[in-house]
Amino acid sequence: MEWILARLSLGVMVYLGYRFGFLGYIFNFWFVPLAVVGLVLGLFFDYLPHRPFKERDRWQNARVYPSPILNWLIMGQNYHLIHHLWPSVPWYNYERAYYATKPLLDAKGSKQSIGLLKEDFLGFVYDIFLGIRFHHGHPPEPLPEESPEIVVVSQEDPVSIAKQTH
């Protein structure tokens, strides 16, 4: 029902805009900002933190691209791997949690760069303009089991570790 009402109200608004001459206003101040915000959110909050979408291992299915400027601009989503590993950490503590757990992330082989120019720039360009991936019918590989050689550094919340070290 909500879906129908949302589409109906959009249709009515576009019709009224056409009928009474403010359709340009609707496009300039509603649809264009919607498109820009949708692109920015999709790029910085979904695509870049998860690319290249090949890993299922929790330590490698998202990435960190450390930068104080990006941390401020995109509200910590450049430390998105921290969200995957410790969902209870609030976004404003991602950077501190990252630096507190960096040795563990290094040991687990977690991706810690944006990797656009180093890893697969053509794949990035392809994703931006087309974004269709075919997996050729291969079943997903099973998740790797935790290696017994890896020692857990701490079971504590990474933010409490960061507070102790600063």
N, C-alpha and C. Protein backbone atom coordinates (compact mmCIF):
# COMPACT_ATOMS: atom_id res chain seq x y z
N MET A 1 0.81 -1.19 0.00
CA MET A 1 0.00 0.00 0.00
C MET A 1 0.86 1.27 0.00
N GLU A 2 1.93 1.24 0.81
CA GLU A 2 2.82 2.40 0.88
C GLU A 2 3.46 2.67 -0.48
N TRP A 3 3.88 1.60 -1.17
CA TRP A 3 4.49 1.73 -2.49
C TRP A 3 3.53 2.42 -3.46
N ILE A 4 2.27 1.99 -3.44
CA ILE A 4 1.25 2.56 -4.34
C ILE A 4 1.02 4.03 -4.02
N LEU A 5 0.91 4.37 -2.73
CA LEU A 5 0.69 5.76 -2.35
C LEU A 5 1.88 6.65 -2.73
N ALA A 6 3.08 6.14 -2.59
CA ALA A 6 4.27 6.92 -2.96
C ALA A 6 4.29 7.19 -4.46
N ARG A 7 4.01 6.18 -5.26
CA ARG A 7 4.00 6.37 -6.72
C ARG A 7 2.84 7.27 -7.15
N LEU A 8 1.73 7.12 -6.49
CA LEU A 8 0.56 7.94 -6.81
C LEU A 8 0.83 9.42 -6.49
N SER A 9 1.43 9.69 -5.33
CA SER A 9 1.72 11.08 -4.97
C SER A 9 2.76 11.68 -5.92
N LEU A 10 3.74 10.89 -6.35
CA LEU A 10 4.72 11.36 -7.33
C LEU A 10 4.03 11.70 -8.64
N GLY A 11 3.17 10.81 -9.11
CA GLY A 11 2.44 11.04 -10.35
C GLY A 11 1.57 12.28 -10.28
N VAL A 12 0.89 12.46 -9.16
CA VAL A 12 0.03 13.64 -8.99
C VAL A 12 0.88 14.91 -8.99
N MET A 13 2.02 14.89 -8.32
CA MET A 13 2.89 16.06 -8.27
C MET A 13 3.41 16.42 -9.66
N VAL A 14 3.84 15.43 -10.43
CA VAL A 14 4.32 15.70 -11.78
C VAL A 14 3.18 16.22 -12.65
N TYR A 15 2.01 15.64 -12.54
CA TYR A 15 0.86 16.12 -13.32
C TYR A 15 0.51 17.57 -12.97
N LEU A 16 0.46 17.86 -11.66
CA LEU A 16 0.16 19.24 -11.25
C LEU A 16 1.24 20.21 -11.71
N GLY A 17 2.49 19.79 -11.67
CA GLY A 17 3.57 20.62 -12.16
C GLY A 17 3.43 20.91 -13.64
N TYR A 18 3.05 19.91 -14.42
CA TYR A 18 2.83 20.11 -15.84
C TYR A 18 1.61 21.00 -16.08
N ARG A 19 0.54 20.73 -15.38
CA ARG A 19 -0.74 21.43 -15.58
C ARG A 19 -0.65 22.92 -15.22
N PHE A 20 0.08 23.23 -14.12
CA PHE A 20 0.12 24.60 -13.63
C PHE A 20 1.47 25.30 -13.88
N GLY A 21 2.33 24.69 -14.66
CA GLY A 21 3.54 25.35 -15.11
C GLY A 21 4.71 25.38 -14.16
N PHE A 22 4.79 24.49 -13.21
CA PHE A 22 5.98 24.47 -12.34
C PHE A 22 6.73 23.13 -12.45
N LEU A 23 6.63 22.48 -13.60
CA LEU A 23 7.33 21.22 -13.81
C LEU A 23 8.86 21.44 -13.78
N GLY A 24 9.34 22.55 -14.32
CA GLY A 24 10.77 22.85 -14.27
C GLY A 24 11.28 22.96 -12.86
N TYR A 25 10.49 23.57 -11.99
CA TYR A 25 10.85 23.67 -10.58
C TYR A 25 10.98 22.28 -9.96
N ILE A 26 10.03 21.40 -10.27
CA ILE A 26 10.07 20.04 -9.72
C ILE A 26 11.33 19.32 -10.17
N PHE A 27 11.66 19.43 -11.44
CA PHE A 27 12.86 18.76 -11.93
C PHE A 27 14.13 19.38 -11.36
N ASN A 28 14.23 20.69 -11.31
CA ASN A 28 15.45 21.35 -10.85
C ASN A 28 15.68 21.22 -9.35
N PHE A 29 14.62 21.25 -8.57
CA PHE A 29 14.77 21.28 -7.12
C PHE A 29 14.33 20.01 -6.41
N TRP A 30 13.92 19.00 -7.20
CA TRP A 30 13.52 17.75 -6.58
C TRP A 30 14.25 16.59 -7.23
N PHE A 31 14.08 16.41 -8.54
CA PHE A 31 14.67 15.25 -9.20
C PHE A 31 16.19 15.34 -9.34
N VAL A 32 16.73 16.51 -9.68
CA VAL A 32 18.18 16.64 -9.82
C VAL A 32 18.88 16.41 -8.48
N PRO A 33 18.46 17.05 -7.38
CA PRO A 33 19.10 16.74 -6.09
C PRO A 33 18.93 15.26 -5.69
N LEU A 34 17.78 14.69 -6.00
CA LEU A 34 17.56 13.28 -5.70
C LEU A 34 18.57 12.41 -6.44
N ALA A 35 18.80 12.71 -7.71
CA ALA A 35 19.76 11.94 -8.51
C ALA A 35 21.19 12.11 -7.98
N VAL A 36 21.57 13.33 -7.64
CA VAL A 36 22.92 13.59 -7.15
C VAL A 36 23.15 12.89 -5.81
N VAL A 37 22.21 13.04 -4.91
CA VAL A 37 22.35 12.40 -3.59
C VAL A 37 22.34 10.88 -3.74
N GLY A 38 21.49 10.35 -4.60
CA GLY A 38 21.47 8.91 -4.82
C GLY A 38 22.79 8.40 -5.36
N LEU A 39 23.40 9.14 -6.28
CA LEU A 39 24.69 8.75 -6.83
C LEU A 39 25.79 8.79 -5.76
N VAL A 40 25.82 9.87 -4.99
CA VAL A 40 26.84 10.01 -3.96
C VAL A 40 26.69 8.94 -2.89
N LEU A 41 25.47 8.72 -2.41
CA LEU A 41 25.26 7.68 -1.40
C LEU A 41 25.60 6.30 -1.94
N GLY A 42 25.17 6.02 -3.15
CA GLY A 42 25.47 4.72 -3.74
C GLY A 42 26.96 4.49 -3.92
N LEU A 43 27.67 5.53 -4.33
CA LEU A 43 29.10 5.40 -4.57
C LEU A 43 29.88 5.26 -3.28
N PHE A 44 29.66 6.19 -2.33
CA PHE A 44 30.48 6.21 -1.12
C PHE A 44 30.01 5.30 0.00
N PHE A 45 28.73 4.96 0.04
CA PHE A 45 28.23 4.16 1.14
C PHE A 45 27.98 2.71 0.76
N ASP A 46 27.96 2.42 -0.55
CA ASP A 46 27.69 1.04 -0.97
C ASP A 46 28.80 0.50 -1.86
N TYR A 47 29.08 1.18 -2.96
CA TYR A 47 30.01 0.62 -3.94
C TYR A 47 31.46 0.59 -3.44
N LEU A 48 32.05 1.75 -3.15
CA LEU A 48 33.47 1.80 -2.80
C LEU A 48 33.85 0.99 -1.56
N PRO A 49 33.05 1.01 -0.48
CA PRO A 49 33.45 0.20 0.68
C PRO A 49 33.43 -1.30 0.45
N HIS A 50 32.66 -1.78 -0.53
CA HIS A 50 32.52 -3.22 -0.73
C HIS A 50 33.23 -3.76 -1.96
N ARG A 51 33.66 -2.91 -2.89
CA ARG A 51 34.24 -3.40 -4.13
C ARG A 51 35.48 -4.23 -3.85
N PRO A 52 35.81 -5.24 -4.57
CA PRO A 52 35.27 -5.69 -5.84
C PRO A 52 34.22 -6.80 -5.70
N PHE A 53 33.60 -6.97 -4.56
CA PHE A 53 32.47 -7.88 -4.37
C PHE A 53 32.84 -9.34 -4.66
N LYS A 54 34.05 -9.74 -4.31
CA LYS A 54 34.49 -11.10 -4.59
C LYS A 54 34.67 -11.94 -3.33
N GLU A 55 34.83 -11.30 -2.21
CA GLU A 55 35.15 -12.01 -0.97
C GLU A 55 33.92 -12.23 -0.11
N ARG A 56 33.86 -13.37 0.54
CA ARG A 56 32.81 -13.63 1.52
C ARG A 56 33.38 -13.67 2.93
N ASP A 57 34.69 -13.76 3.02
CA ASP A 57 35.36 -13.76 4.32
C ASP A 57 35.11 -12.42 5.01
N ARG A 58 34.69 -12.46 6.25
CA ARG A 58 34.30 -11.22 6.94
C ARG A 58 35.43 -10.22 7.09
N TRP A 59 36.68 -10.67 7.04
CA TRP A 59 37.82 -9.78 7.17
C TRP A 59 38.18 -9.12 5.85
N GLN A 60 37.58 -9.61 4.75
CA GLN A 60 37.94 -9.09 3.44
C GLN A 60 36.75 -8.72 2.57
N ASN A 61 35.53 -8.75 3.10
CA ASN A 61 34.36 -8.43 2.27
C ASN A 61 34.03 -6.94 2.23
N ALA A 62 34.81 -6.15 2.89
CA ALA A 62 34.70 -4.68 2.83
C ALA A 62 36.12 -4.16 2.97
N ARG A 63 36.29 -2.87 2.87
CA ARG A 63 37.64 -2.32 2.92
C ARG A 63 37.68 -1.05 3.74
N VAL A 64 38.91 -0.64 4.00
CA VAL A 64 39.20 0.62 4.68
C VAL A 64 40.06 1.44 3.74
N TYR A 65 39.73 2.71 3.55
CA TYR A 65 40.63 3.61 2.84
C TYR A 65 40.84 4.81 3.74
N PRO A 66 41.91 4.71 4.58
CA PRO A 66 42.16 5.72 5.61
C PRO A 66 42.39 7.11 5.03
N SER A 67 41.69 8.06 5.58
CA SER A 67 41.88 9.46 5.19
C SER A 67 41.06 10.33 6.14
N PRO A 68 41.69 11.27 6.83
CA PRO A 68 40.93 12.14 7.72
C PRO A 68 39.94 13.02 6.96
N ILE A 69 40.28 13.39 5.73
CA ILE A 69 39.36 14.22 4.93
C ILE A 69 38.13 13.42 4.54
N LEU A 70 38.34 12.19 4.02
CA LEU A 70 37.19 11.35 3.67
C LEU A 70 36.38 10.99 4.91
N ASN A 71 37.06 10.78 6.03
CA ASN A 71 36.35 10.46 7.27
C ASN A 71 35.36 11.57 7.61
N TRP A 72 35.76 12.80 7.41
CA TRP A 72 34.88 13.93 7.68
C TRP A 72 33.79 14.06 6.61
N LEU A 73 34.18 13.93 5.32
CA LEU A 73 33.23 14.13 4.23
C LEU A 73 32.13 13.07 4.16
N ILE A 74 32.50 11.81 4.38
CA ILE A 74 31.52 10.73 4.21
C ILE A 74 31.21 10.01 5.52
N MET A 75 31.40 10.72 6.61
CA MET A 75 31.00 10.28 7.95
C MET A 75 31.50 8.88 8.31
N GLY A 76 32.77 8.65 8.09
CA GLY A 76 33.38 7.41 8.54
C GLY A 76 33.17 6.20 7.66
N GLN A 77 32.47 6.34 6.54
CA GLN A 77 32.23 5.17 5.70
C GLN A 77 33.48 4.69 4.99
N ASN A 78 34.56 5.47 5.01
CA ASN A 78 35.83 4.99 4.48
C ASN A 78 36.45 3.95 5.42
N TYR A 79 35.91 3.80 6.60
CA TYR A 79 36.32 2.75 7.54
C TYR A 79 35.21 1.71 7.67
N HIS A 80 34.57 1.40 6.56
CA HIS A 80 33.37 0.56 6.56
C HIS A 80 33.62 -0.87 7.06
N LEU A 81 34.82 -1.37 6.87
CA LEU A 81 35.14 -2.71 7.36
C LEU A 81 34.92 -2.81 8.87
N ILE A 82 35.18 -1.74 9.58
CA ILE A 82 34.96 -1.72 11.03
C ILE A 82 33.49 -1.99 11.33
N HIS A 83 32.60 -1.42 10.52
CA HIS A 83 31.16 -1.66 10.68
C HIS A 83 30.83 -3.14 10.47
N HIS A 84 31.45 -3.77 9.50
CA HIS A 84 31.19 -5.19 9.24
C HIS A 84 31.70 -6.06 10.39
N LEU A 85 32.85 -5.73 10.92
CA LEU A 85 33.45 -6.56 11.96
C LEU A 85 32.85 -6.32 13.34
N TRP A 86 32.56 -5.07 13.66
CA TRP A 86 32.02 -4.70 14.96
C TRP A 86 30.83 -3.76 14.77
N PRO A 87 29.65 -4.29 14.45
CA PRO A 87 28.48 -3.44 14.14
C PRO A 87 28.04 -2.53 15.29
N SER A 88 28.43 -2.83 16.50
CA SER A 88 27.98 -2.01 17.63
C SER A 88 28.79 -0.72 17.77
N VAL A 89 29.89 -0.59 17.04
CA VAL A 89 30.69 0.63 17.10
C VAL A 89 29.97 1.72 16.31
N PRO A 90 29.70 2.88 16.92
CA PRO A 90 29.04 3.96 16.18
C PRO A 90 29.97 4.55 15.12
N TRP A 91 29.39 5.10 14.05
CA TRP A 91 30.17 5.58 12.90
C TRP A 91 31.22 6.62 13.29
N TYR A 92 30.95 7.42 14.30
CA TYR A 92 31.91 8.47 14.66
C TYR A 92 33.12 7.93 15.41
N ASN A 93 33.13 6.64 15.73
CA ASN A 93 34.30 6.01 16.34
C ASN A 93 35.02 5.06 15.40
N TYR A 94 34.61 4.97 14.13
CA TYR A 94 35.24 4.04 13.18
C TYR A 94 36.74 4.30 13.04
N GLU A 95 37.12 5.57 12.89
CA GLU A 95 38.54 5.88 12.67
C GLU A 95 39.38 5.44 13.87
N ARG A 96 38.92 5.77 15.05
CA ARG A 96 39.65 5.38 16.26
C ARG A 96 39.72 3.86 16.40
N ALA A 97 38.62 3.19 16.10
CA ALA A 97 38.58 1.73 16.16
C ALA A 97 39.51 1.11 15.12
N TYR A 98 39.57 1.73 13.95
CA TYR A 98 40.47 1.22 12.90
C TYR A 98 41.92 1.24 13.37
N TYR A 99 42.37 2.38 13.90
CA TYR A 99 43.77 2.47 14.31
C TYR A 99 44.06 1.57 15.51
N ALA A 100 43.07 1.32 16.35
CA ALA A 100 43.27 0.42 17.49
C ALA A 100 43.37 -1.03 17.04
N THR A 101 42.73 -1.38 15.93
CA THR A 101 42.71 -2.78 15.48
C THR A 101 43.54 -3.00 14.22
N LYS A 102 44.28 -2.01 13.78
CA LYS A 102 45.06 -2.13 12.54
C LYS A 102 46.00 -3.33 12.53
N PRO A 103 46.71 -3.65 13.61
CA PRO A 103 47.58 -4.84 13.57
C PRO A 103 46.78 -6.13 13.31
N LEU A 104 45.60 -6.24 13.88
CA LEU A 104 44.76 -7.41 13.64
C LEU A 104 44.28 -7.43 12.19
N LEU A 105 43.88 -6.29 11.67
CA LEU A 105 43.44 -6.22 10.27
C LEU A 105 44.58 -6.57 9.31
N ASP A 106 45.80 -6.12 9.64
CA ASP A 106 46.96 -6.48 8.82
C ASP A 106 47.19 -7.99 8.84
N ALA A 107 47.08 -8.58 10.01
CA ALA A 107 47.29 -10.02 10.14
C ALA A 107 46.24 -10.83 9.38
N LYS A 108 45.03 -10.32 9.31
CA LYS A 108 43.95 -11.03 8.62
C LYS A 108 43.92 -10.75 7.12
N GLY A 109 44.78 -9.85 6.63
CA GLY A 109 44.83 -9.54 5.20
C GLY A 109 43.70 -8.65 4.72
N SER A 110 43.17 -7.83 5.60
CA SER A 110 42.08 -6.93 5.23
C SER A 110 42.56 -5.86 4.26
N LYS A 111 41.72 -5.52 3.29
CA LYS A 111 42.05 -4.48 2.30
C LYS A 111 42.00 -3.13 3.00
N GLN A 112 43.10 -2.35 2.81
CA GLN A 112 43.19 -1.06 3.48
C GLN A 112 43.61 0.05 2.54
N SER A 113 43.05 0.04 1.35
CA SER A 113 43.23 1.14 0.42
C SER A 113 42.02 1.16 -0.50
N ILE A 114 41.81 2.28 -1.15
CA ILE A 114 40.67 2.36 -2.07
C ILE A 114 40.92 1.48 -3.28
N GLY A 115 42.17 1.33 -3.69
CA GLY A 115 42.54 0.36 -4.71
C GLY A 115 42.03 0.60 -6.11
N LEU A 116 41.55 1.79 -6.41
CA LEU A 116 41.00 2.03 -7.75
C LEU A 116 42.08 1.98 -8.83
N LEU A 117 43.22 2.59 -8.58
CA LEU A 117 44.27 2.64 -9.59
C LEU A 117 45.19 1.43 -9.51
N LYS A 118 45.32 0.83 -8.35
CA LYS A 118 46.24 -0.30 -8.18
C LYS A 118 45.62 -1.63 -8.59
N GLU A 119 44.36 -1.84 -8.28
CA GLU A 119 43.77 -3.16 -8.44
C GLU A 119 43.05 -3.36 -9.77
N ASP A 120 42.04 -2.53 -10.04
CA ASP A 120 41.20 -2.81 -11.19
C ASP A 120 40.49 -1.55 -11.64
N PHE A 121 41.22 -0.61 -12.23
CA PHE A 121 40.62 0.65 -12.64
C PHE A 121 39.60 0.44 -13.75
N LEU A 122 39.91 -0.43 -14.71
CA LEU A 122 38.96 -0.69 -15.80
C LEU A 122 37.68 -1.34 -15.27
N GLY A 123 37.80 -2.19 -14.26
CA GLY A 123 36.62 -2.77 -13.63
C GLY A 123 35.77 -1.71 -12.96
N PHE A 124 36.42 -0.72 -12.34
CA PHE A 124 35.70 0.38 -11.72
C PHE A 124 34.94 1.19 -12.77
N VAL A 125 35.61 1.52 -13.88
CA VAL A 125 34.96 2.28 -14.95
C VAL A 125 33.78 1.48 -15.51
N TYR A 126 33.98 0.18 -15.71
CA TYR A 126 32.90 -0.68 -16.19
C TYR A 126 31.71 -0.65 -15.23
N ASP A 127 31.99 -0.77 -13.94
CA ASP A 127 30.91 -0.76 -12.94
C ASP A 127 30.16 0.56 -12.93
N ILE A 128 30.87 1.68 -13.09
CA ILE A 128 30.23 2.98 -13.08
C ILE A 128 29.25 3.13 -14.24
N PHE A 129 29.67 2.67 -15.43
CA PHE A 129 28.83 2.88 -16.61
C PHE A 129 27.85 1.75 -16.90
N LEU A 130 28.18 0.52 -16.52
CA LEU A 130 27.28 -0.59 -16.82
C LEU A 130 26.94 -1.38 -15.57
N GLY A 131 27.95 -1.90 -14.90
CA GLY A 131 27.75 -2.53 -13.61
C GLY A 131 27.08 -3.88 -13.59
N ILE A 132 27.05 -4.58 -14.71
CA ILE A 132 26.43 -5.91 -14.73
C ILE A 132 27.53 -6.94 -14.64
N ARG A 133 27.42 -7.82 -13.68
CA ARG A 133 28.42 -8.88 -13.50
C ARG A 133 27.75 -10.23 -13.71
N PHE A 134 28.38 -11.08 -14.50
CA PHE A 134 27.90 -12.43 -14.71
C PHE A 134 28.85 -13.38 -14.00
N HIS A 135 28.31 -14.31 -13.26
CA HIS A 135 29.14 -15.23 -12.48
C HIS A 135 29.25 -16.59 -13.14
N HIS A 136 28.79 -16.72 -14.36
CA HIS A 136 28.95 -17.91 -15.18
C HIS A 136 28.47 -19.18 -14.50
N GLY A 137 27.49 -19.08 -13.63
CA GLY A 137 26.87 -20.25 -13.03
C GLY A 137 27.72 -21.01 -12.04
N HIS A 138 28.87 -20.47 -11.64
CA HIS A 138 29.70 -21.17 -10.68
C HIS A 138 29.10 -21.02 -9.28
N PRO A 139 29.01 -22.10 -8.54
CA PRO A 139 28.51 -21.96 -7.17
C PRO A 139 29.52 -21.22 -6.32
N PRO A 140 29.07 -20.50 -5.32
CA PRO A 140 30.02 -19.77 -4.47
C PRO A 140 30.93 -20.74 -3.72
N GLU A 141 32.16 -20.29 -3.52
CA GLU A 141 33.10 -21.12 -2.77
C GLU A 141 32.71 -21.12 -1.30
N PRO A 142 32.95 -22.22 -0.60
CA PRO A 142 32.61 -22.24 0.83
C PRO A 142 33.47 -21.25 1.60
N LEU A 143 32.93 -20.76 2.69
CA LEU A 143 33.69 -19.84 3.54
C LEU A 143 34.88 -20.56 4.15
N PRO A 144 36.03 -19.89 4.21
CA PRO A 144 37.19 -20.55 4.84
C PRO A 144 36.98 -20.64 6.34
N GLU A 145 37.48 -21.72 6.89
CA GLU A 145 37.39 -21.88 8.34
C GLU A 145 38.49 -21.06 8.99
N GLU A 146 38.23 -20.63 10.22
CA GLU A 146 39.25 -19.86 10.94
C GLU A 146 40.48 -20.73 11.15
N SER A 147 41.61 -20.16 10.89
CA SER A 147 42.86 -20.87 11.07
C SER A 147 43.20 -20.93 12.56
N PRO A 148 43.58 -22.11 13.06
CA PRO A 148 43.91 -22.20 14.49
C PRO A 148 45.19 -21.45 14.85
N GLU A 149 46.03 -21.10 13.84
CA GLU A 149 47.27 -20.38 14.14
C GLU A 149 47.03 -18.91 14.48
N ILE A 150 45.89 -18.37 14.08
CA ILE A 150 45.63 -16.95 14.31
C ILE A 150 45.15 -16.76 15.74
N VAL A 151 45.84 -15.90 16.45
CA VAL A 151 45.50 -15.63 17.84
C VAL A 151 44.64 -14.38 17.89
N VAL A 152 43.55 -14.44 18.63
CA VAL A 152 42.68 -13.29 18.77
C VAL A 152 43.38 -12.29 19.69
N VAL A 153 43.52 -11.06 19.20
CA VAL A 153 44.22 -10.04 19.98
C VAL A 153 43.42 -9.69 21.22
N SER A 154 42.13 -9.43 21.04
CA SER A 154 41.28 -9.06 22.16
C SER A 154 39.83 -9.26 21.77
N GLN A 155 39.02 -9.65 22.73
CA GLN A 155 37.59 -9.77 22.50
C GLN A 155 36.87 -8.48 22.85
N GLU A 156 37.63 -7.49 23.36
CA GLU A 156 37.03 -6.22 23.74
C GLU A 156 36.55 -5.45 22.53
N ASP A 157 35.65 -4.55 22.78
CA ASP A 157 35.19 -3.63 21.75
C ASP A 157 36.36 -2.76 21.32
N PRO A 158 36.59 -2.58 19.99
CA PRO A 158 37.77 -1.81 19.55
C PRO A 158 37.77 -0.37 20.02
N VAL A 159 36.62 0.21 20.30
CA VAL A 159 36.60 1.60 20.78
C VAL A 159 37.15 1.67 22.20
N SER A 160 36.84 0.66 23.02
CA SER A 160 37.39 0.68 24.38
C SER A 160 38.91 0.48 24.34
N ILE A 161 39.39 -0.31 23.36
CA ILE A 161 40.84 -0.46 23.19
C ILE A 161 41.44 0.88 22.80
N ALA A 162 40.79 1.59 21.86
CA ALA A 162 41.30 2.88 21.39
C ALA A 162 41.34 3.88 22.53
N LYS A 163 40.34 3.89 23.40
CA LYS A 163 40.32 4.83 24.52
C LYS A 163 41.46 4.54 25.49
N GLN A 164 41.82 3.25 25.65
CA GLN A 164 42.90 2.90 26.56
C GLN A 164 44.25 3.31 26.00
N THR A 165 44.39 3.29 24.65
CA THR A 165 45.68 3.61 24.05
C THR A 165 45.91 5.08 23.83
N HIS A 166 44.87 5.91 23.93
CA HIS A 166 45.04 7.36 23.69
C HIS A 166 45.02 8.13 24.97
